[in-house]
Amino acid sequence: MARPAGNTRLKSARLAAGYPSQQALADALGVGVRQVRRWESDTPPWPHPEIGQALTQLLGQELTSLGFTPPSGATVERGRRSVLVATAAAVGLAVVRTQAVAVQPATAADDYMSVTRSHRRLYWSVAPATLHPAALAHATLGCQLLPESAGQTRQRIAAALAETWLLAARIEFFDMRDADRAQQTLLRALQAAGEADDPLLGAAVLAHTAFIPGWAGDREAAVERMVAARTYARRGPASAELLAWLDAVEAECETRCGHTRTALHLIGHAEDVLAAGSDHASPEWLDWFYPVRLAAFKGNTQLKAGHLPQARETLHGVLDALAPADEKQTTVVLGDLAAVEAASGDPEAACRYAVRALDQLERTWYAMGMDRVREVRRMLAPHQHEQCVRELDDRLYGWSTTVSALAR
């Protein structure tokens, strides 16, 4: 006979909320692990009211949705679940609700947002290892302010908090390359966006969650999260830039999963969206995307598709158009140009671009840029005894570069 599956709804919600074991959930609730085992059995007992309330807050779902059947005569609160909770559950995330006691003045939102805005600008020039702790500390402050505010003040603080968590997650994923940590931080960003009732921020957070499975080659999960992101964007109003960026995100995920034809189609659609424009302004926080960035996406996809002449032309155009402040993106483009030349059988040209990328990385560290250089070095393995490749190795494994890479 087949072994009973148990209460798979509760187990799935537990794992999605970040509790990898029954013991971890038991510790969070302050109950014995035996109790959690009983809940995950085929016949889970209805939790005591206080524990049941804590369980729904931790996992972001009603008890009935978690696989529990209320006993006869029991009173079950069946409040309408928010759209955010439903979407979060669909993509494997959880949402926790909080209640506010207003003690903060309206100026608290302006003050809190001013720091969020400063961190947003500093991301492009401050070392990730320096900015990340500051962003986390600011998020902690926001979490403390949120229960002490109400009305529009609470909504604005929640929006700034969502942006702060999103910034921290971007650093964790793109700069620190810690996908697991970024996943949990994006969950917090989604919670805050829900408190702010800001669908565009929700779309941005959900699109960032798609990068995680997309880069791991899990196309199905990435597409599912992009469907959620586009659903939020439709509640907008979304600007042309935001809609084009969603196309670009999905295109990168498709490229990572080996579907370059689909990716190029998405990029073409994004170009059409930008050309058509819209009457809606982009959110202030959407400072990581504009037409040149879309062209950078396109050049990388052309490279992965083997369209080397087209990739070279596109990437040269991007390099010429990038602003001096786009130092992080410059390293990525130089790395892609090096890969184009390596794939074209020109190791000397590949090494020249790779060395330029390393020069830039010494000034402004970016993990994605270093990944591009390392990928090029792997492509140059057949030429490893040539002088240009040996000189690249001297730079790639020089004292400053090696220490910088290990320190981050």
Protein backbone atom coordinates (compact mmCIF):
# COMPACT_ATOMS: atom_id res chain seq x y z
CA MET A 1 0.00 0.00 0.00
CA ALA A 2 1.12 3.56 -0.70
CA ARG A 3 2.30 5.52 2.29
CA PRO A 4 -0.13 8.34 3.30
CA ALA A 5 1.05 11.74 2.07
CA GLY A 6 -0.03 13.59 5.20
CA ASN A 7 -1.06 17.24 5.32
CA THR A 8 0.86 18.41 2.24
CA ARG A 9 -0.78 21.84 2.33
CA LEU A 10 0.76 22.72 5.67
CA LYS A 11 4.11 21.24 4.73
CA SER A 12 4.24 23.21 1.46
CA ALA A 13 3.29 26.45 3.23
CA ARG A 14 5.92 25.79 5.92
CA LEU A 15 8.67 25.31 3.35
CA ALA A 16 7.55 28.33 1.30
CA ALA A 17 7.63 30.55 4.40
CA GLY A 18 11.24 29.60 5.10
CA TYR A 19 10.89 26.90 7.77
CA PRO A 20 12.86 23.95 6.35
CA SER A 21 12.03 21.54 9.16
CA GLN A 22 9.18 20.77 11.51
CA GLN A 23 11.47 21.73 14.40
CA ALA A 24 12.04 25.19 12.90
CA LEU A 25 8.29 25.87 12.75
CA ALA A 26 7.83 24.48 16.25
CA ASP A 27 10.51 26.82 17.58
CA ALA A 28 8.90 29.81 15.88
CA LEU A 29 5.52 28.98 17.43
CA GLY A 30 6.86 27.95 20.83
CA VAL A 31 5.35 24.45 20.66
CA GLY A 32 6.81 20.98 20.66
CA VAL A 33 7.90 19.38 17.40
CA ARG A 34 5.48 16.52 18.12
CA GLN A 35 2.62 19.00 17.73
CA VAL A 36 3.84 20.01 14.26
CA ARG A 37 4.14 16.34 13.30
CA ARG A 38 0.50 15.83 14.25
CA TRP A 39 -0.50 18.86 12.15
CA GLU A 40 1.31 17.41 9.13
CA SER A 41 -0.33 14.01 9.51
CA ASP A 42 -3.32 12.73 7.53
CA THR A 43 -5.69 13.79 10.33
CA PRO A 44 -4.36 17.10 11.65
CA PRO A 45 -6.09 18.28 14.86
CA TRP A 46 -7.58 21.78 14.90
CA PRO A 47 -5.07 24.09 16.66
CA HIS A 48 -5.93 25.96 19.85
CA PRO A 49 -7.13 29.52 19.05
CA GLU A 50 -3.94 31.33 20.13
CA ILE A 51 -1.65 28.87 18.36
CA GLY A 52 -3.89 28.84 15.30
CA GLN A 53 -3.73 32.62 15.03
CA ALA A 54 0.07 32.56 15.32
CA LEU A 55 0.24 29.83 12.66
CA THR A 56 -1.84 31.83 10.16
CA GLN A 57 0.32 34.91 10.79
CA LEU A 58 3.56 32.97 10.24
CA LEU A 59 2.42 31.21 7.06
CA GLY A 60 0.09 33.87 5.64
CA GLN A 61 -2.85 31.53 5.02
CA GLU A 62 -6.10 30.62 6.77
CA LEU A 63 -6.20 27.38 8.74
CA THR A 64 -8.59 25.76 6.27
CA SER A 65 -6.17 26.59 3.46
CA LEU A 66 -3.44 24.92 5.50
CA GLY A 67 -5.27 21.59 5.47
CA PHE A 68 -7.14 21.83 8.77
CA THR A 69 -10.81 20.88 9.05
CA PRO A 70 -12.67 22.86 11.74
CA PRO A 71 -14.49 20.73 14.31
CA SER A 72 -18.26 20.98 14.39
CA GLY A 73 -19.40 24.08 16.22
CA ALA A 74 -16.05 25.82 15.92
CA THR A 75 -16.03 29.46 14.90
CA VAL A 76 -13.70 30.11 12.03
CA GLU A 77 -12.78 33.59 10.88
CA ARG A 78 -12.96 33.60 7.07
CA GLY A 79 -11.99 37.15 6.21
CA ARG A 80 -11.38 37.82 2.55
CA ARG A 81 -7.74 37.16 1.72
CA SER A 82 -5.99 40.01 0.01
CA VAL A 83 -4.88 39.75 -3.60
CA LEU A 84 -1.30 39.99 -2.32
CA VAL A 85 -1.69 36.89 -0.16
CA ALA A 86 -3.21 34.93 -3.03
CA THR A 87 -0.44 35.91 -5.41
CA ALA A 88 2.26 35.26 -2.82
CA ALA A 89 0.93 31.76 -2.23
CA ALA A 90 0.88 31.13 -5.97
CA VAL A 91 4.57 31.90 -6.29
CA GLY A 92 5.65 30.13 -3.11
CA LEU A 93 5.85 33.10 -0.76
CA ALA A 94 4.00 34.01 2.42
CA VAL A 95 2.60 37.26 3.77
CA VAL A 96 2.27 38.33 7.39
CA ARG A 97 -0.28 40.92 8.43
CA THR A 98 0.36 43.52 11.10
CA GLN A 99 -1.83 46.02 12.94
CA ALA A 100 -0.98 49.66 13.55
CA VAL A 101 -1.12 51.86 16.65
CA ALA A 102 -0.62 55.42 15.42
CA VAL A 103 2.01 57.35 17.34
CA GLN A 104 4.25 58.62 14.50
CA PRO A 105 3.62 62.05 12.94
CA ALA A 106 3.02 62.49 9.24
CA THR A 107 6.56 63.83 8.83
CA ALA A 108 7.95 60.41 9.72
CA ALA A 109 7.13 59.17 6.23
CA ASP A 110 9.05 62.02 4.58
CA ASP A 111 12.04 61.51 6.86
CA TYR A 112 12.12 57.77 6.33
CA MET A 113 11.73 58.09 2.55
CA SER A 114 14.57 60.62 2.34
CA VAL A 115 17.03 57.99 3.57
CA THR A 116 15.56 55.37 1.24
CA ARG A 117 16.05 57.78 -1.66
CA SER A 118 19.67 58.41 -0.65
CA HIS A 119 20.41 54.68 -0.48
CA ARG A 120 18.90 54.28 -3.94
CA ARG A 121 21.38 56.77 -5.39
CA LEU A 122 24.32 55.47 -3.37
CA TYR A 123 23.89 51.97 -4.80
CA TRP A 124 25.60 53.06 -8.01
CA SER A 125 28.77 54.30 -6.30
CA VAL A 126 29.12 52.76 -2.83
CA ALA A 127 30.66 49.31 -2.36
CA PRO A 128 27.95 46.66 -1.80
CA ALA A 129 29.60 45.42 1.39
CA THR A 130 29.33 48.95 2.77
CA LEU A 131 25.80 49.80 1.64
CA HIS A 132 24.14 46.48 2.48
CA PRO A 133 24.39 46.77 6.31
CA ALA A 134 23.10 50.35 6.11
CA ALA A 135 20.10 49.24 4.04
CA LEU A 136 19.32 46.44 6.48
CA ALA A 137 19.52 48.83 9.43
CA HIS A 138 17.18 51.22 7.63
CA ALA A 139 14.77 48.35 6.97
CA THR A 140 14.83 47.45 10.66
CA LEU A 141 13.88 51.04 11.48
CA GLY A 142 11.03 50.87 8.97
CA CYS A 143 9.72 47.68 10.56
CA GLN A 144 9.66 49.50 13.90
CA LEU A 145 7.94 52.57 12.48
CA LEU A 146 5.26 50.67 10.60
CA PRO A 147 3.26 49.41 13.62
CA GLU A 148 3.42 52.92 15.08
CA SER A 149 1.84 54.66 12.09
CA ALA A 150 -1.55 54.69 10.42
CA GLY A 151 -3.35 55.92 7.35
CA GLN A 152 -1.38 57.61 4.60
CA THR A 153 1.71 57.86 6.80
CA ARG A 154 1.74 54.10 7.29
CA GLN A 155 1.20 53.52 3.58
CA ARG A 156 4.11 55.77 2.60
CA ILE A 157 6.46 54.23 5.17
CA ALA A 158 5.48 50.77 3.92
CA ALA A 159 6.29 51.79 0.32
CA ALA A 160 9.70 53.12 1.36
CA LEU A 161 10.30 49.97 3.38
CA ALA A 162 9.43 47.80 0.37
CA GLU A 163 11.93 49.73 -1.73
CA THR A 164 14.58 49.35 0.98
CA TRP A 165 14.08 45.59 1.18
CA LEU A 166 14.20 45.46 -2.64
CA LEU A 167 17.51 47.31 -2.65
CA ALA A 168 18.93 44.92 -0.06
CA ALA A 169 17.75 41.95 -2.12
CA ARG A 170 19.32 43.38 -5.29
CA ILE A 171 22.64 43.66 -3.49
CA GLU A 172 22.32 40.12 -2.15
CA PHE A 173 21.50 38.63 -5.55
CA PHE A 174 23.48 40.70 -8.04
CA ASP A 175 26.46 41.77 -5.90
CA MET A 176 26.79 39.11 -3.20
CA ARG A 177 25.38 36.24 -5.29
CA ASP A 178 23.40 34.87 -2.34
CA ALA A 179 20.16 33.73 -3.98
CA ASP A 180 18.71 32.07 -0.88
CA ARG A 181 19.11 35.19 1.20
CA ALA A 182 17.75 37.37 -1.59
CA GLN A 183 14.66 35.16 -1.78
CA GLN A 184 13.83 35.79 1.87
CA THR A 185 14.52 39.51 1.56
CA LEU A 186 12.24 39.75 -1.48
CA LEU A 187 9.52 38.11 0.59
CA ARG A 188 9.84 40.96 3.07
CA ALA A 189 9.73 43.47 0.23
CA LEU A 190 6.53 41.89 -1.06
CA GLN A 191 4.99 42.07 2.40
CA ALA A 192 5.78 45.76 2.66
CA ALA A 193 4.48 46.44 -0.86
CA GLY A 194 1.25 44.77 0.19
CA GLU A 195 1.00 47.01 3.26
CA ALA A 196 1.50 50.00 0.96
CA ASP A 197 -1.05 48.60 -1.54
CA ASP A 198 1.42 49.51 -4.28
CA PRO A 199 0.91 47.16 -7.25
CA LEU A 200 3.83 48.55 -9.25
CA LEU A 201 6.26 47.91 -6.41
CA GLY A 202 4.70 44.47 -6.12
CA ALA A 203 5.36 43.91 -9.82
CA ALA A 204 9.00 44.95 -9.41
CA VAL A 205 9.53 42.64 -6.44
CA LEU A 206 7.86 39.68 -8.12
CA ALA A 207 9.91 40.19 -11.30
CA HIS A 208 13.07 40.13 -9.18
CA THR A 209 11.94 36.84 -7.65
CA ALA A 210 11.81 35.43 -11.20
CA PHE A 211 15.57 35.98 -11.58
CA ILE A 212 16.26 33.37 -8.90
CA PRO A 213 14.71 30.32 -10.59
CA GLY A 214 15.51 31.75 -14.03
CA TRP A 215 19.23 31.84 -13.35
CA ALA A 216 19.00 28.34 -11.91
CA GLY A 217 17.44 27.05 -15.14
CA ASP A 218 13.96 26.53 -13.67
CA ARG A 219 11.95 28.03 -16.51
CA GLU A 220 8.52 26.98 -15.22
CA ALA A 221 8.99 28.74 -11.87
CA ALA A 222 10.42 31.85 -13.53
CA VAL A 223 7.50 32.11 -15.97
CA GLU A 224 5.00 31.66 -13.14
CA ARG A 225 6.51 34.54 -11.21
CA MET A 226 6.57 36.72 -14.30
CA VAL A 227 2.86 36.05 -14.81
CA ALA A 228 2.31 37.32 -11.27
CA ALA A 229 4.48 40.38 -11.92
CA ARG A 230 2.60 41.27 -15.09
CA THR A 231 -0.71 40.84 -13.27
CA TYR A 232 0.37 43.45 -10.74
CA ALA A 233 1.64 45.78 -13.44
CA ARG A 234 -1.78 45.75 -15.12
CA ARG A 235 -3.23 47.24 -11.93
CA GLY A 236 -0.76 50.13 -12.45
CA PRO A 237 -0.86 52.46 -14.15
CA ALA A 238 2.45 51.11 -15.48
CA SER A 239 4.80 53.19 -17.58
CA ALA A 240 6.29 52.03 -20.86
CA GLU A 241 9.67 51.68 -19.14
CA LEU A 242 8.29 49.37 -16.46
CA LEU A 243 6.47 47.20 -19.00
CA ALA A 244 9.58 47.00 -21.18
CA TRP A 245 11.69 46.09 -18.16
CA LEU A 246 9.34 43.17 -17.40
CA ASP A 247 9.94 41.95 -20.96
CA ALA A 248 13.69 42.32 -20.41
CA VAL A 249 13.59 40.35 -17.15
CA GLU A 250 11.66 37.52 -18.75
CA ALA A 251 14.04 37.63 -21.73
CA GLU A 252 17.04 37.18 -19.45
CA CYS A 253 15.36 34.26 -17.69
CA GLU A 254 14.56 32.67 -21.06
CA THR A 255 18.17 33.19 -22.16
CA ARG A 256 19.47 31.55 -19.00
CA CYS A 257 17.15 28.62 -19.65
CA GLY A 258 18.41 28.23 -23.24
CA HIS A 259 15.39 29.72 -25.04
CA THR A 260 17.13 32.54 -26.90
CA ARG A 261 14.56 32.76 -29.70
CA THR A 262 11.81 33.48 -27.19
CA ALA A 263 14.10 35.94 -25.43
CA LEU A 264 14.80 37.87 -28.62
CA HIS A 265 11.07 38.06 -29.33
CA LEU A 266 10.49 39.52 -25.85
CA ILE A 267 13.24 42.08 -26.38
CA GLY A 268 11.71 43.07 -29.71
CA HIS A 269 8.38 43.57 -27.96
CA ALA A 270 10.09 45.68 -25.29
CA GLU A 271 11.64 47.87 -27.99
CA ASP A 272 8.19 48.39 -29.52
CA VAL A 273 6.73 49.29 -26.10
CA LEU A 274 9.45 51.88 -25.51
CA ALA A 275 9.01 53.32 -29.00
CA ALA A 276 5.25 53.67 -28.48
CA GLY A 277 5.70 55.25 -25.05
CA SER A 278 2.84 55.89 -22.62
CA ASP A 279 1.11 58.69 -20.74
CA HIS A 280 2.24 57.29 -17.40
CA ALA A 281 5.45 58.37 -15.71
CA SER A 282 7.85 55.76 -14.36
CA PRO A 283 8.10 55.32 -10.59
CA GLU A 284 10.97 57.21 -9.00
CA TRP A 285 12.57 53.95 -7.87
CA LEU A 286 12.85 52.54 -11.43
CA ASP A 287 16.38 53.85 -11.91
CA TRP A 288 17.96 50.60 -13.12
CA PHE A 289 16.36 50.48 -16.57
CA TYR A 290 16.22 52.64 -19.70
CA PRO A 291 16.71 51.98 -23.45
CA VAL A 292 20.49 51.50 -23.21
CA ARG A 293 19.99 48.82 -20.56
CA LEU A 294 17.52 47.06 -22.85
CA ALA A 295 20.16 47.09 -25.58
CA ALA A 296 22.59 45.49 -23.12
CA PHE A 297 20.07 42.71 -22.51
CA LYS A 298 19.76 42.31 -26.26
CA GLY A 299 23.51 42.10 -26.83
CA ASN A 300 23.89 39.37 -24.23
CA THR A 301 21.03 37.38 -25.72
CA GLN A 302 22.48 37.71 -29.22
CA LEU A 303 25.78 36.44 -27.83
CA LYS A 304 24.12 33.42 -26.22
CA ALA A 305 22.20 32.76 -29.44
CA GLY A 306 25.45 32.69 -31.42
CA HIS A 307 24.64 35.83 -33.41
CA LEU A 308 28.15 37.18 -32.93
CA PRO A 309 28.29 40.04 -35.50
CA GLN A 310 24.95 41.37 -34.27
CA ALA A 311 26.03 41.03 -30.63
CA ARG A 312 29.29 42.88 -31.30
CA GLU A 313 27.46 45.75 -33.00
CA THR A 314 24.82 45.99 -30.25
CA LEU A 315 27.32 45.89 -27.41
CA HIS A 316 29.59 48.48 -29.00
CA GLY A 317 26.57 50.78 -29.24
CA VAL A 318 25.78 50.17 -25.58
CA LEU A 319 29.36 50.85 -24.50
CA ASP A 320 29.36 54.17 -26.36
CA ALA A 321 25.98 55.19 -24.88
CA LEU A 322 26.56 54.27 -21.23
CA ALA A 323 26.90 57.22 -18.88
CA PRO A 324 30.03 57.58 -16.72
CA ALA A 325 27.95 56.66 -13.67
CA ASP A 326 27.04 53.28 -15.21
CA GLU A 327 30.25 51.70 -13.96
CA LYS A 328 28.69 48.38 -12.94
CA GLN A 329 26.94 47.93 -16.25
CA THR A 330 30.16 48.83 -18.07
CA THR A 331 31.95 45.80 -16.59
CA VAL A 332 29.15 43.52 -17.77
CA VAL A 333 29.20 44.92 -21.31
CA LEU A 334 32.99 44.67 -21.51
CA GLY A 335 32.74 41.07 -20.33
CA ASP A 336 30.15 40.30 -23.01
CA LEU A 337 32.32 41.90 -25.69
CA ALA A 338 35.23 39.77 -24.50
CA ALA A 339 33.01 36.70 -24.81
CA VAL A 340 32.03 37.71 -28.36
CA GLU A 341 35.69 37.87 -29.38
CA ALA A 342 36.53 34.63 -27.59
CA ALA A 343 33.69 32.88 -29.42
CA SER A 344 34.92 34.43 -32.68
CA GLY A 345 38.37 32.92 -32.17
CA ASP A 346 40.22 36.16 -31.38
CA PRO A 347 41.83 35.60 -27.95
CA GLU A 348 43.87 38.82 -28.06
CA ALA A 349 40.78 40.99 -28.53
CA ALA A 350 38.95 38.96 -25.88
CA CYS A 351 41.76 39.55 -23.40
CA ARG A 352 41.83 43.29 -24.10
CA TYR A 353 38.15 43.63 -23.23
CA ALA A 354 38.53 41.36 -20.19
CA VAL A 355 41.42 43.45 -18.85
CA ARG A 356 39.35 46.61 -19.30
CA ALA A 357 36.58 44.95 -17.30
CA LEU A 358 39.06 44.11 -14.53
CA ASP A 359 40.27 47.71 -14.51
CA GLN A 360 36.69 48.81 -13.94
CA LEU A 361 36.11 46.17 -11.26
CA GLU A 362 39.03 47.49 -9.25
CA ARG A 363 37.23 50.84 -9.11
CA THR A 364 33.67 49.56 -8.65
CA TRP A 365 33.10 45.95 -7.64
CA TYR A 366 30.25 44.06 -9.28
CA ALA A 367 29.89 40.31 -8.92
CA MET A 368 28.09 39.96 -12.26
CA GLY A 369 30.98 41.69 -13.99
CA MET A 370 33.50 39.33 -12.43
CA ASP A 371 31.33 36.37 -13.44
CA ARG A 372 31.48 37.56 -17.03
CA VAL A 373 35.29 37.76 -16.93
CA ARG A 374 35.60 34.30 -15.42
CA GLU A 375 33.29 32.90 -18.08
CA VAL A 376 35.53 34.42 -20.75
CA ARG A 377 38.59 32.87 -19.14
CA ARG A 378 36.94 29.46 -19.34
CA MET A 379 36.22 30.07 -23.02
CA LEU A 380 39.92 30.87 -23.53
CA ALA A 381 41.10 27.54 -22.11
CA PRO A 382 42.27 26.30 -25.56
CA HIS A 383 44.54 29.38 -25.75
CA GLN A 384 45.80 29.32 -22.18
CA HIS A 385 49.47 29.10 -23.22
CA GLU A 386 49.31 32.24 -25.33
CA GLN A 387 50.92 35.35 -23.91
CA CYS A 388 47.73 37.43 -23.88
CA VAL A 389 45.90 34.81 -21.79
CA ARG A 390 48.79 34.53 -19.35
CA GLU A 391 48.74 38.29 -18.94
CA LEU A 392 44.99 38.11 -18.32
CA ASP A 393 45.62 35.50 -15.62
CA ASP A 394 48.15 37.80 -13.99
CA ARG A 395 45.44 40.45 -13.73
CA LEU A 396 42.62 38.08 -12.89
CA TYR A 397 44.58 36.56 -10.02
CA GLY A 398 46.51 39.65 -8.99
CA TRP A 399 46.63 40.62 -5.33
CA SER A 400 44.01 43.37 -5.42
CA THR A 401 41.54 41.49 -7.61
CA THR A 402 41.84 38.24 -5.69
CA VAL A 403 41.48 39.93 -2.31
CA SER A 404 38.50 41.95 -3.56
CA ALA A 405 36.76 38.82 -4.86
CA LEU A 406 37.34 36.83 -1.67
CA ALA A 407 36.38 39.74 0.59
CA ARG A 408 32.99 39.99 -1.09
